[in-house]
Amino acid sequence: MLGLMQSQPLLISSLIDFAERHHGEGEIVSRRVEGDIHRCTYRDIAGRSRQVANALDAMKLAFGDRVATLAWNGYRHLELYFGVSGSGRVLHTLNPRLHPDQIVWIANHSEDQVLCFDMTFLPIVKAVHARCTTIKHFIALCDAASLPADSGIPGLQSYEAWMGGQASKYTWPEFDENTASSMCYTSGTTGNPKAALYSHRSTILHAWASAMPDSLNMSARDSVLPVVPMFHVNAWGLPYSAAMTGAKMVFPGPAMDGKSIFDLIESEKVTFAAGVPTVWQMMLGHMQQGGLRFSTLKRTVIGGSACPPAMIAAFNDDYGVEVLHAWGMTEMSPLGTVCTLKNKHLAMDANQKMAVRIKQGRGIYGVDMKIIDEQGDELPWDGKAYGDLLVKGPWVIREYFKGEGGAPLVNGWFPTGDVATIDPDGYLQITDRSKDVIKSGGEWISSIDVENIAMAHPAVAMAACIGMKHPKWDERPVVVVVKKPGAEVSREELLGFFEGKTAKWQIPDDVIFIDAIPLGATGKMQKVKLRETLKDYQLPTA
């Protein structure tokens, strides 16, 4: 017997329709490439999204065709989020931080038909457009007056001219909710990038789950600043969750330095912000130098890479901002876990709470997870056993676009490539990437644990732990450190700082000071490049 309920497909167009109908006056604030602050509402975004859909129809784009973006966080990018997917096409967010050759490969592999780009990235587009063999239309996200007289790109149109003449009335098509909605290429795999192809259903369910109180706790009372780029896993789904809840959205545009982010938080009364640790490191440095305080910020979700305990303590203890430590992957849309406390934790002292907060958190409804040993046997949730982490759920991929890399699932579970523990309360703690774990004398050393201790030293701005070959122990850890501006710390002092904070055999054998640690396109440390840079390094003999 089937239930007697209405059947309505879960489509992205329903999000912007809801936001327009119930939160039409809700603010969308953007710092533009032009340098000014632009203000509009969900009602404006909804109308302009429909204009985008009409403009795509006028191009005769087929259902399922890919429309690429090369753009910062802003209102025009948001309009494309809804206009492209809502009309049945697939939004493909390109990462401008990639090498031009990678951008060409990805655009051709995804068979993009249109590229919409911010003028910041005109030099990139000029360098790659002739090699992007499937792209037929180039749209600059600006008005006609801002187009250069000779861009060198045939047929280049301004966004405002392209969509501005279209009607703001449009009937969103209805189709199967499992239809593809957007795609993101992951930077976390070896070889050529692989694409996660999201569906309307997976996107809506992910937005629903992430907005829940024990997840990101979003509401119409929030002012949300996604510092995480809209080209990085759809800004962690925040544009969709914001439309679903009616939250005010504040977009930083191209100004991603600490001062600009802090100023925007204060001027727009931001209550909730999201970004990777490297961004917050810059902002906290700016605040500490100027003796600044937050007036409205209540919480921040930090993901992309493990958040150092020193950063959690700075936000919580120094500035009264709750840190939501989170974990996920491009292949997971991306949210998997969020570290929110349970009732049992509220009576704990500060040190006990910190021991929970440094973990990546509990699985949100919709994500199941387990850890397995080398034989594939499931390991207990005791907080001690560590193994390979596998996940499954309605917003986790079952395969990559075009079958790249073969069938990734293991008995229906997606292998994340992370090594982790899970405690009896279900809190996940990533101990390493499987490719980064250091194996010394038959024992594993967590590079994340070593990095967290180094980051707690007041003179350290950034730290990366890597394993170096050792004739007796197979590998030994060394910690590569960038010092804070004007700060000094010696090798001996930093190694001494580890005493009593970890087992003696887990203390690094050496400290290497460098000017900058290489970062990837999403702000993660690139340990492969770091190892290549240090390929001639020799461990101390004594």
Protein backbone atom coordinates (compact mmCIF):
# COMPACT_ATOMS: atom_id res chain seq x y z
CA MET A 1 0.00 0.00 0.00
CA LEU A 2 1.35 3.43 -0.98
CA GLY A 3 0.81 6.62 0.97
CA LEU A 4 -1.73 9.12 -0.31
CA MET A 5 0.48 12.21 -0.31
CA GLN A 6 1.19 14.68 -3.08
CA SER A 7 4.27 14.00 -5.14
CA GLN A 8 6.39 17.06 -5.82
CA PRO A 9 9.94 16.83 -7.19
CA LEU A 10 12.69 18.43 -5.12
CA LEU A 11 14.01 21.08 -7.54
CA ILE A 12 16.41 23.97 -7.01
CA SER A 13 13.93 26.38 -8.62
CA SER A 14 11.63 25.79 -5.64
CA LEU A 15 14.25 27.37 -3.34
CA ILE A 16 14.31 30.74 -5.07
CA ASP A 17 10.53 30.67 -5.49
CA PHE A 18 10.18 30.11 -1.74
CA ALA A 19 12.71 32.83 -0.90
CA GLU A 20 10.89 35.31 -3.15
CA ARG A 21 7.46 34.48 -1.76
CA HIS A 22 8.30 34.30 1.94
CA HIS A 23 11.50 36.36 2.27
CA GLY A 24 11.30 38.67 -0.72
CA GLU A 25 12.77 41.62 1.21
CA GLY A 26 15.70 39.53 2.47
CA GLU A 27 19.00 41.25 1.71
CA ILE A 28 21.76 40.11 -0.63
CA VAL A 29 24.87 42.27 -0.17
CA SER A 30 27.89 41.91 -2.47
CA ARG A 31 31.28 43.55 -2.64
CA ARG A 32 31.75 43.74 -6.40
CA VAL A 33 34.77 43.45 -8.63
CA GLU A 34 34.05 47.10 -9.46
CA GLY A 35 34.94 47.90 -5.84
CA ASP A 36 31.56 49.10 -4.57
CA ILE A 37 28.96 47.46 -2.35
CA HIS A 38 25.87 46.25 -4.23
CA ARG A 39 22.54 45.66 -2.45
CA CYS A 40 19.52 43.76 -3.65
CA THR A 41 16.88 41.35 -2.32
CA TYR A 42 15.74 37.78 -2.83
CA ARG A 43 12.90 39.25 -4.87
CA ASP A 44 15.44 40.88 -7.19
CA ILE A 45 17.52 37.69 -7.42
CA ALA A 46 14.43 35.64 -8.28
CA GLY A 47 13.43 37.96 -11.12
CA ARG A 48 16.94 38.14 -12.53
CA SER A 49 17.35 34.35 -12.25
CA ARG A 50 14.32 33.99 -14.48
CA GLN A 51 15.91 36.44 -16.92
CA VAL A 52 19.00 34.21 -16.96
CA ALA A 53 16.79 31.19 -17.74
CA ASN A 54 15.16 33.07 -20.62
CA ALA A 55 18.58 34.10 -21.94
CA LEU A 56 19.75 30.47 -21.90
CA ASP A 57 16.59 29.44 -23.74
CA ALA A 58 17.30 32.13 -26.35
CA MET A 59 20.73 30.55 -26.87
CA LYS A 60 18.94 27.27 -27.70
CA LEU A 61 20.92 25.47 -25.02
CA ALA A 62 19.77 21.90 -24.62
CA PHE A 63 18.45 20.39 -21.41
CA GLY A 64 21.49 19.19 -19.44
CA ASP A 65 24.02 21.42 -21.23
CA ARG A 66 26.79 22.71 -19.00
CA VAL A 67 27.15 26.40 -18.18
CA ALA A 68 30.50 27.21 -16.57
CA THR A 69 31.34 30.05 -14.19
CA LEU A 70 34.68 31.57 -13.33
CA ALA A 71 33.55 33.98 -10.68
CA TRP A 72 33.82 35.32 -7.14
CA ASN A 73 31.05 35.22 -4.56
CA GLY A 74 28.44 37.77 -5.60
CA TYR A 75 24.85 38.39 -6.62
CA ARG A 76 25.38 37.68 -10.32
CA HIS A 77 26.94 34.33 -9.49
CA LEU A 78 23.95 33.61 -7.24
CA GLU A 79 21.56 34.38 -10.11
CA LEU A 80 23.39 31.82 -12.23
CA TYR A 81 23.08 29.24 -9.44
CA PHE A 82 19.31 29.39 -9.76
CA GLY A 83 18.82 30.40 -13.38
CA VAL A 84 21.07 27.70 -14.84
CA SER A 85 20.00 24.76 -12.69
CA GLY A 86 16.37 25.86 -12.45
CA SER A 87 16.03 25.83 -16.23
CA GLY A 88 17.34 22.27 -16.47
CA ARG A 89 20.95 23.03 -17.39
CA VAL A 90 23.97 22.07 -15.29
CA LEU A 91 25.97 24.72 -13.42
CA HIS A 92 29.71 24.03 -13.55
CA THR A 93 31.79 26.17 -11.20
CA LEU A 94 35.38 26.40 -12.46
CA ASN A 95 38.14 27.14 -9.97
CA PRO A 96 40.17 30.18 -11.14
CA ARG A 97 43.07 29.22 -8.86
CA LEU A 98 43.88 26.23 -11.02
CA HIS A 99 46.60 26.27 -13.67
CA PRO A 100 45.26 27.39 -17.08
CA ASP A 101 46.07 23.97 -18.55
CA GLN A 102 43.89 22.35 -15.88
CA ILE A 103 41.06 24.80 -16.59
CA VAL A 104 41.24 23.91 -20.29
CA TRP A 105 41.22 20.18 -19.55
CA ILE A 106 38.25 20.48 -17.18
CA ALA A 107 36.20 22.73 -19.50
CA ASN A 108 36.71 20.34 -22.39
CA HIS A 109 36.06 17.25 -20.29
CA SER A 110 32.79 18.69 -18.97
CA GLU A 111 31.87 19.93 -22.48
CA ASP A 112 30.91 23.40 -21.25
CA GLN A 113 28.81 25.38 -23.74
CA VAL A 114 28.87 28.80 -22.03
CA LEU A 115 31.42 30.49 -19.77
CA CYS A 116 30.36 33.34 -17.48
CA PHE A 117 33.32 35.07 -15.83
CA ASP A 118 34.20 38.01 -13.61
CA MET A 119 36.42 40.65 -15.22
CA THR A 120 39.15 39.82 -12.70
CA PHE A 121 39.64 36.62 -14.65
CA LEU A 122 39.73 38.13 -18.14
CA PRO A 123 43.49 37.37 -18.45
CA ILE A 124 42.79 33.69 -17.69
CA VAL A 125 39.95 33.54 -20.22
CA LYS A 126 42.11 35.24 -22.88
CA ALA A 127 44.79 32.62 -22.26
CA VAL A 128 42.48 29.59 -22.49
CA HIS A 129 39.47 30.45 -24.66
CA ALA A 130 40.95 29.27 -27.95
CA ARG A 131 41.69 25.85 -26.44
CA CYS A 132 38.23 25.40 -24.85
CA THR A 133 36.78 23.62 -27.83
CA THR A 134 33.15 23.22 -26.71
CA ILE A 135 32.47 26.73 -25.36
CA LYS A 136 30.41 28.73 -27.83
CA HIS A 137 29.47 31.76 -25.73
CA PHE A 138 31.56 33.96 -23.41
CA ILE A 139 29.73 36.23 -20.96
CA ALA A 140 31.55 38.85 -18.84
CA LEU A 141 29.82 39.44 -15.50
CA CYS A 142 29.56 43.21 -15.87
CA ASP A 143 27.60 45.86 -17.74
CA ALA A 144 28.28 46.84 -21.34
CA ALA A 145 30.23 49.95 -20.36
CA SER A 146 32.77 47.81 -18.50
CA LEU A 147 33.66 45.63 -21.49
CA PRO A 148 37.12 46.37 -22.92
CA ALA A 149 37.20 47.76 -26.44
CA ASP A 150 39.28 44.81 -27.65
CA SER A 151 39.04 41.80 -25.35
CA GLY A 152 40.52 39.39 -27.87
CA ILE A 153 37.59 37.04 -27.22
CA PRO A 154 35.25 36.70 -30.22
CA GLY A 155 31.60 37.43 -29.50
CA LEU A 156 32.17 38.48 -25.88
CA GLN A 157 28.99 39.87 -24.31
CA SER A 158 28.33 41.65 -21.06
CA TYR A 159 26.10 39.82 -18.60
CA GLU A 160 23.77 42.79 -18.16
CA ALA A 161 23.27 43.16 -21.91
CA TRP A 162 22.87 39.39 -22.36
CA MET A 163 20.20 38.85 -19.72
CA GLY A 164 18.96 42.38 -19.06
CA GLY A 165 16.63 42.52 -22.06
CA GLN A 166 14.92 39.25 -21.17
CA ALA A 167 11.55 39.01 -19.44
CA SER A 168 11.56 38.42 -15.70
CA LYS A 169 8.61 36.07 -16.10
CA TYR A 170 9.46 32.42 -16.63
CA THR A 171 7.76 29.15 -15.84
CA TRP A 172 10.33 26.85 -14.29
CA PRO A 173 10.17 23.42 -15.93
CA GLU A 174 9.30 20.37 -13.85
CA PHE A 175 11.41 17.26 -14.30
CA ASP A 176 12.81 14.29 -12.40
CA GLU A 177 14.46 15.42 -9.16
CA ASN A 178 17.37 13.09 -9.90
CA THR A 179 18.31 15.27 -12.88
CA ALA A 180 21.83 16.72 -12.72
CA SER A 181 21.93 20.24 -11.29
CA SER A 182 25.59 21.20 -10.89
CA MET A 183 29.08 19.79 -11.01
CA CYS A 184 32.37 20.39 -9.21
CA TYR A 185 35.76 18.92 -10.00
CA THR A 186 37.62 17.66 -6.99
CA SER A 187 41.20 18.61 -6.17
CA GLY A 188 41.55 15.72 -3.71
CA THR A 189 42.31 12.94 -6.19
CA THR A 190 45.43 11.90 -8.05
CA GLY A 191 45.80 12.32 -11.82
CA ASN A 192 43.32 14.46 -13.71
CA PRO A 193 40.54 16.06 -11.63
CA LYS A 194 37.30 14.10 -11.34
CA ALA A 195 33.81 15.61 -11.32
CA ALA A 196 31.10 15.11 -8.75
CA LEU A 197 27.77 15.53 -10.55
CA TYR A 198 25.08 16.63 -8.09
CA SER A 199 21.33 16.22 -8.58
CA HIS A 200 18.46 18.53 -7.66
CA ARG A 201 17.36 15.98 -5.06
CA SER A 202 20.81 15.65 -3.48
CA THR A 203 21.23 19.43 -3.38
CA ILE A 204 17.87 20.06 -1.69
CA LEU A 205 18.40 17.29 0.87
CA HIS A 206 21.91 18.56 1.62
CA ALA A 207 20.61 22.13 2.08
CA TRP A 208 17.86 20.89 4.38
CA ALA A 209 20.20 18.81 6.53
CA SER A 210 22.92 21.46 6.78
CA ALA A 211 20.45 24.14 7.92
CA MET A 212 19.25 22.04 10.86
CA PRO A 213 19.99 23.23 14.45
CA ASP A 214 22.58 20.53 15.11
CA SER A 215 24.26 21.30 11.79
CA LEU A 216 24.83 24.92 10.74
CA ASN A 217 21.69 26.22 12.50
CA MET A 218 20.66 28.71 9.82
CA SER A 219 17.56 30.89 10.02
CA ALA A 220 15.95 34.07 8.69
CA ARG A 221 17.52 35.87 11.66
CA ASP A 222 21.04 35.21 10.38
CA SER A 223 23.34 37.34 8.30
CA VAL A 224 25.56 34.79 6.54
CA LEU A 225 29.02 35.45 5.09
CA PRO A 226 30.31 32.59 2.92
CA VAL A 227 34.04 33.29 2.67
CA VAL A 228 34.35 29.80 1.21
CA PRO A 229 34.20 30.44 -2.56
CA MET A 230 31.12 29.66 -4.61
CA PHE A 231 33.52 27.76 -6.89
CA HIS A 232 34.48 25.44 -3.99
CA VAL A 233 31.75 22.77 -3.66
CA ASN A 234 29.02 25.38 -4.23
CA ALA A 235 30.17 27.41 -1.20
CA TRP A 236 29.46 24.33 0.94
CA GLY A 237 25.79 24.57 -0.12
CA LEU A 238 25.25 27.84 1.79
CA PRO A 239 23.50 29.68 -1.08
CA TYR A 240 20.86 26.96 -1.15
CA SER A 241 20.44 26.78 2.64
CA ALA A 242 20.20 30.57 2.82
CA ALA A 243 17.40 30.66 0.24
CA MET A 244 15.66 27.84 2.08
CA THR A 245 15.73 29.75 5.38
CA GLY A 246 15.58 33.36 4.15
CA ALA A 247 18.92 34.28 5.72
CA LYS A 248 20.61 37.51 4.66
CA MET A 249 23.62 36.79 2.43
CA VAL A 250 26.82 38.82 2.43
CA PHE A 251 29.28 38.12 -0.39
CA PRO A 252 32.95 39.21 -0.09
CA GLY A 253 33.74 39.32 -3.82
CA PRO A 254 37.46 39.39 -4.59
CA ALA A 255 38.55 41.07 -1.31
CA MET A 256 39.61 38.07 0.77
CA ASP A 257 42.23 39.67 3.03
CA GLY A 258 41.78 39.75 6.80
CA LYS A 259 40.90 43.45 7.03
CA SER A 260 38.29 43.32 4.26
CA ILE A 261 36.59 40.26 5.74
CA PHE A 262 36.52 41.77 9.25
CA ASP A 263 35.17 45.10 7.97
CA LEU A 264 32.39 43.33 6.06
CA ILE A 265 31.43 41.26 9.12
CA GLU A 266 31.09 44.43 11.16
CA SER A 267 29.37 46.65 8.59
CA GLU A 268 26.78 44.03 7.61
CA LYS A 269 26.21 42.67 11.14
CA VAL A 270 27.21 39.16 10.12
CA THR A 271 26.17 36.48 12.63
CA PHE A 272 27.50 33.40 10.84
CA ALA A 273 30.56 32.99 8.62
CA ALA A 274 32.16 30.03 6.85
CA GLY A 275 35.66 29.44 5.55
CA VAL A 276 38.88 27.44 5.63
CA PRO A 277 41.50 27.89 8.40
CA THR A 278 43.92 29.90 6.24
CA VAL A 279 41.33 32.67 5.75
CA TRP A 280 40.57 32.91 9.46
CA GLN A 281 44.28 32.93 10.27
CA MET A 282 44.63 36.15 8.26
CA MET A 283 41.59 37.74 9.86
CA LEU A 284 42.59 36.83 13.43
CA GLY A 285 46.06 38.26 12.78
CA HIS A 286 44.48 41.54 11.64
CA MET A 287 42.25 41.65 14.72
CA GLN A 288 45.05 40.88 17.14
CA GLN A 289 47.28 43.58 15.68
CA GLY A 290 44.53 46.21 15.95
CA GLY A 291 42.94 45.09 19.22
CA LEU A 292 39.63 44.60 17.40
CA ARG A 293 36.47 42.83 18.56
CA PHE A 294 33.37 41.38 16.92
CA SER A 295 30.05 43.02 17.67
CA THR A 296 27.61 40.55 16.01
CA LEU A 297 29.43 37.38 14.90
CA LYS A 298 28.14 34.39 16.88
CA ARG A 299 29.51 31.36 15.10
CA THR A 300 31.75 30.24 12.28
CA VAL A 301 31.99 26.91 10.51
CA ILE A 302 35.55 25.93 9.71
CA GLY A 303 36.31 23.12 7.27
CA GLY A 304 38.38 22.23 4.23
CA SER A 305 41.22 21.09 6.49
CA ALA A 306 41.59 20.39 10.19
CA CYS A 307 41.14 23.46 12.38
CA PRO A 308 44.02 23.94 14.86
CA PRO A 309 42.91 23.93 18.52
CA ALA A 310 44.64 27.30 18.96
CA MET A 311 42.24 28.80 16.40
CA ILE A 312 39.20 27.25 18.08
CA ALA A 313 40.40 28.65 21.42
CA ALA A 314 41.01 32.11 19.92
CA PHE A 315 37.49 32.31 18.50
CA ASN A 316 35.77 30.80 21.54
CA ASP A 317 37.79 32.25 24.41
CA ASP A 318 39.12 35.55 23.05
CA TYR A 319 36.18 36.64 20.90
CA GLY A 320 33.14 34.69 22.14
CA VAL A 321 32.48 33.07 18.77
CA GLU A 322 31.39 29.43 18.61
CA VAL A 323 33.46 27.36 16.19
CA LEU A 324 31.62 24.64 14.32
CA HIS A 325 34.40 22.30 13.26
CA ALA A 326 33.15 20.43 10.19
CA TRP A 327 34.30 17.79 7.74
CA GLY A 328 33.24 16.80 4.27
CA MET A 329 34.36 16.32 0.69
CA THR A 330 33.51 17.46 -2.82
CA GLU A 331 32.16 13.95 -3.32
CA MET A 332 29.78 14.55 -0.39
CA SER A 333 28.28 17.87 -1.57
CA PRO A 334 30.27 18.45 0.86
CA LEU A 335 28.92 18.22 4.41
CA GLY A 336 29.46 15.04 6.43
CA THR A 337 29.91 15.98 10.08
CA VAL A 338 29.58 19.08 12.28
CA CYS A 339 30.97 19.35 15.80
CA THR A 340 28.10 20.52 17.99
CA LEU A 341 28.00 19.58 21.66
CA LYS A 342 25.51 17.26 23.33
CA ASN A 343 23.82 17.93 26.69
CA LYS A 344 26.34 15.70 28.45
CA HIS A 345 29.16 18.04 27.39
CA LEU A 346 27.67 21.26 28.74
CA ALA A 347 28.73 20.58 32.34
CA MET A 348 32.31 19.81 31.30
CA ASP A 349 35.21 22.12 32.05
CA ALA A 350 36.92 24.09 29.28
CA ASN A 351 39.64 21.50 28.64
CA GLN A 352 37.14 18.66 28.36
CA LYS A 353 34.98 20.67 25.96
CA MET A 354 38.03 21.48 23.86
CA ALA A 355 38.82 17.77 23.59
CA VAL A 356 35.41 17.39 21.92
CA ARG A 357 35.56 20.56 19.80
CA ILE A 358 38.83 19.63 18.10
CA LYS A 359 37.07 16.62 16.59
CA GLN A 360 35.32 16.96 13.24
CA GLY A 361 31.99 16.20 14.88
CA ARG A 362 28.92 14.02 14.56
CA GLY A 363 27.39 12.75 11.37
CA ILE A 364 24.33 14.70 10.29
CA TYR A 365 21.18 12.80 9.33
CA GLY A 366 21.66 11.47 5.81
CA VAL A 367 25.32 10.54 6.23
CA ASP A 368 26.32 7.11 7.49
CA MET A 369 29.96 6.32 8.20
CA LYS A 370 32.25 3.55 9.35
CA ILE A 371 35.95 2.84 9.76
CA ILE A 372 37.60 -0.35 8.55
CA ASP A 373 40.98 -2.05 8.91
CA GLU A 374 43.25 -3.23 6.10
CA GLN A 375 41.21 -6.42 5.75
CA GLY A 376 37.98 -4.47 5.31
CA ASP A 377 36.59 -5.42 8.72
CA GLU A 378 34.62 -2.73 10.55
CA LEU A 379 36.34 -1.27 13.61
CA PRO A 380 34.67 -0.30 16.90
CA TRP A 381 33.54 3.21 17.79
CA ASP A 382 35.75 3.49 20.86
CA GLY A 383 37.71 6.65 20.03
CA LYS A 384 40.93 4.60 19.89
CA ALA A 385 40.76 2.28 16.89
CA TYR A 386 41.64 4.12 13.71
CA GLY A 387 41.09 2.99 10.17
CA ASP A 388 40.00 3.98 6.70
CA LEU A 389 36.83 6.09 6.69
CA LEU A 390 33.92 5.13 4.42
CA VAL A 391 30.62 6.99 3.97
CA LYS A 392 27.29 6.66 2.20
CA GLY A 393 24.17 8.78 1.87
CA PRO A 394 21.80 10.53 -0.56
CA TRP A 395 24.25 13.36 -1.28
CA VAL A 396 27.35 11.15 -1.61
CA ILE A 397 28.46 10.24 -5.15
CA ARG A 398 28.08 6.73 -6.49
CA GLU A 399 30.51 7.37 -9.36
CA TYR A 400 32.41 10.21 -11.02
CA PHE A 401 31.24 12.03 -14.16
CA LYS A 402 31.97 9.96 -17.30
CA GLY A 403 33.06 7.08 -15.08
CA GLU A 404 36.50 8.59 -14.47
CA GLY A 405 38.54 6.45 -12.11
CA GLY A 406 36.25 3.45 -12.43
CA ALA A 407 33.71 2.40 -9.80
CA PRO A 408 34.75 4.10 -6.54
CA LEU A 409 32.31 2.38 -4.17
CA VAL A 410 33.27 -0.51 -1.91
CA ASN A 411 30.17 -2.61 -1.20
CA GLY A 412 28.03 0.53 -1.57
CA TRP A 413 30.31 2.73 0.57
CA PHE A 414 32.49 5.59 -0.68
CA PRO A 415 36.13 5.38 0.53
CA THR A 416 37.11 8.89 1.58
CA GLY A 417 40.89 8.44 1.72
CA ASP A 418 40.86 9.69 5.31
CA VAL A 419 42.10 7.82 8.35
CA ALA A 420 39.90 8.41 11.40
CA THR A 421 38.61 7.35 14.80
CA ILE A 422 34.98 7.47 15.95
CA ASP A 423 34.20 7.70 19.66
CA PRO A 424 31.24 6.06 21.48
CA ASP A 425 29.18 9.26 21.07
CA GLY A 426 29.66 9.15 17.29
CA TYR A 427 32.22 11.98 17.08
CA LEU A 428 34.57 11.61 14.14
CA GLN A 429 38.22 12.62 14.37
CA ILE A 430 40.31 12.68 11.23
CA THR A 431 43.84 11.63 12.13
CA ASP A 432 45.26 11.97 8.63
CA ARG A 433 44.82 11.51 4.94
CA SER A 434 45.82 7.94 4.14
CA LYS A 435 48.54 9.28 1.85
CA ASP A 436 49.91 11.63 4.55
CA VAL A 437 49.98 9.35 7.60
CA ILE A 438 53.53 8.86 8.91
CA LYS A 439 54.56 5.26 9.60
CA SER A 440 57.45 5.14 12.04
CA GLY A 441 58.75 1.86 13.46
CA GLY A 442 55.49 0.08 12.70
CA GLU A 443 53.41 2.77 14.46
CA TRP A 444 51.32 5.55 12.92
CA ILE A 445 51.94 9.21 13.73
CA SER A 446 49.18 11.69 12.95
CA SER A 447 50.54 14.65 10.99
CA ILE A 448 47.47 16.65 12.10
CA ASP A 449 48.32 16.13 15.79
CA VAL A 450 51.88 17.35 15.20
CA GLU A 451 50.66 20.38 13.24
CA ASN A 452 48.14 21.30 15.94
CA ILE A 453 50.83 21.35 18.64
CA ALA A 454 53.12 23.50 16.50
CA MET A 455 50.27 25.90 15.69
CA ALA A 456 49.70 26.43 19.42
CA HIS A 457 53.10 28.14 19.71
CA PRO A 458 52.59 31.92 19.69
CA ALA A 459 55.30 32.48 17.07
CA VAL A 460 53.90 30.02 14.51
CA ALA A 461 51.59 31.21 11.71
CA MET A 462 51.35 27.92 9.81
CA ALA A 463 52.76 24.43 10.19
CA ALA A 464 52.85 21.30 8.02
CA CYS A 465 54.09 17.91 9.17
CA ILE A 466 55.48 15.46 6.63
CA GLY A 467 57.28 12.14 6.88
CA MET A 468 60.89 11.80 5.81
CA LYS A 469 62.61 8.51 4.96
CA HIS A 470 64.65 7.04 7.81
CA PRO A 471 67.04 4.04 7.53
CA LYS A 472 65.86 2.48 10.80
CA TRP A 473 62.32 3.72 11.47
CA ASP A 474 61.04 3.80 7.85
CA GLU A 475 59.77 7.38 8.31
CA ARG A 476 60.22 10.15 10.83
CA PRO A 477 58.17 13.36 11.14
CA VAL A 478 59.54 16.82 10.47
CA VAL A 479 57.51 20.00 10.92
CA VAL A 480 57.72 22.78 8.34
CA VAL A 481 56.94 26.16 9.87
CA VAL A 482 56.07 29.68 8.74
CA LYS A 483 56.67 32.21 11.51
CA LYS A 484 54.30 35.07 12.27
CA PRO A 485 55.50 38.48 11.06
CA GLY A 486 58.06 39.87 13.50
CA ALA A 487 58.07 36.70 15.63
CA GLU A 488 61.13 34.60 16.40
CA VAL A 489 61.43 31.00 17.52
CA SER A 490 64.40 28.64 17.25
CA ARG A 491 64.44 25.01 16.20
CA GLU A 492 65.39 23.95 19.73
CA GLU A 493 62.67 26.04 21.35
CA LEU A 494 59.95 24.68 19.09
CA LEU A 495 61.03 21.06 19.54
CA GLY A 496 61.05 21.66 23.29
CA PHE A 497 57.49 22.98 23.01
CA PHE A 498 56.39 19.45 22.06
CA GLU A 499 57.67 17.97 25.34
CA GLY A 500 54.81 16.68 27.48
CA LYS A 501 52.22 17.35 24.75
CA THR A 502 52.68 14.09 22.85
CA ALA A 503 54.56 10.82 23.18
CA LYS A 504 58.32 11.29 22.95
CA TRP A 505 58.64 9.10 19.86
CA GLN A 506 56.02 11.26 18.08
CA ILE A 507 58.01 14.49 18.55
CA PRO A 508 59.39 15.65 15.17
CA ASP A 509 63.03 15.03 14.46
CA ASP A 510 63.51 18.49 13.00
CA VAL A 511 61.97 21.91 12.32
CA ILE A 512 62.35 23.51 8.90
CA PHE A 513 61.57 27.23 8.62
CA ILE A 514 60.31 28.51 5.26
CA ASP A 515 58.69 31.73 4.01
CA ALA A 516 55.46 30.13 2.76
CA ILE A 517 53.81 26.72 2.66
CA PRO A 518 52.34 25.96 -0.78
CA LEU A 519 48.54 26.05 -0.80
CA GLY A 520 46.20 24.42 -3.27
CA ALA A 521 43.29 25.93 -5.14
CA THR A 522 40.97 25.48 -2.14
CA GLY A 523 43.38 26.74 0.53
CA LYS A 524 44.65 23.33 1.62
CA MET A 525 48.33 22.71 2.22
CA GLN A 526 49.97 20.97 -0.74
CA LYS A 527 52.19 18.39 0.92
CA VAL A 528 53.11 16.81 -2.41
CA LYS A 529 54.73 20.09 -3.50
CA LEU A 530 56.31 20.48 -0.06
CA ARG A 531 57.90 17.04 -0.31
CA GLU A 532 59.17 17.89 -3.79
CA THR A 533 60.71 21.12 -2.48
CA LEU A 534 62.42 19.18 0.32
CA LYS A 535 63.46 16.17 -1.77
CA ASP A 536 67.16 16.77 -1.03
CA TYR A 537 66.62 17.29 2.70
CA GLN A 538 68.48 14.96 5.06
CA LEU A 539 67.28 14.16 8.59
CA PRO A 540 69.63 15.14 11.41
CA THR A 541 71.96 12.27 12.32
CA ALA A 542 71.88 12.97 16.05
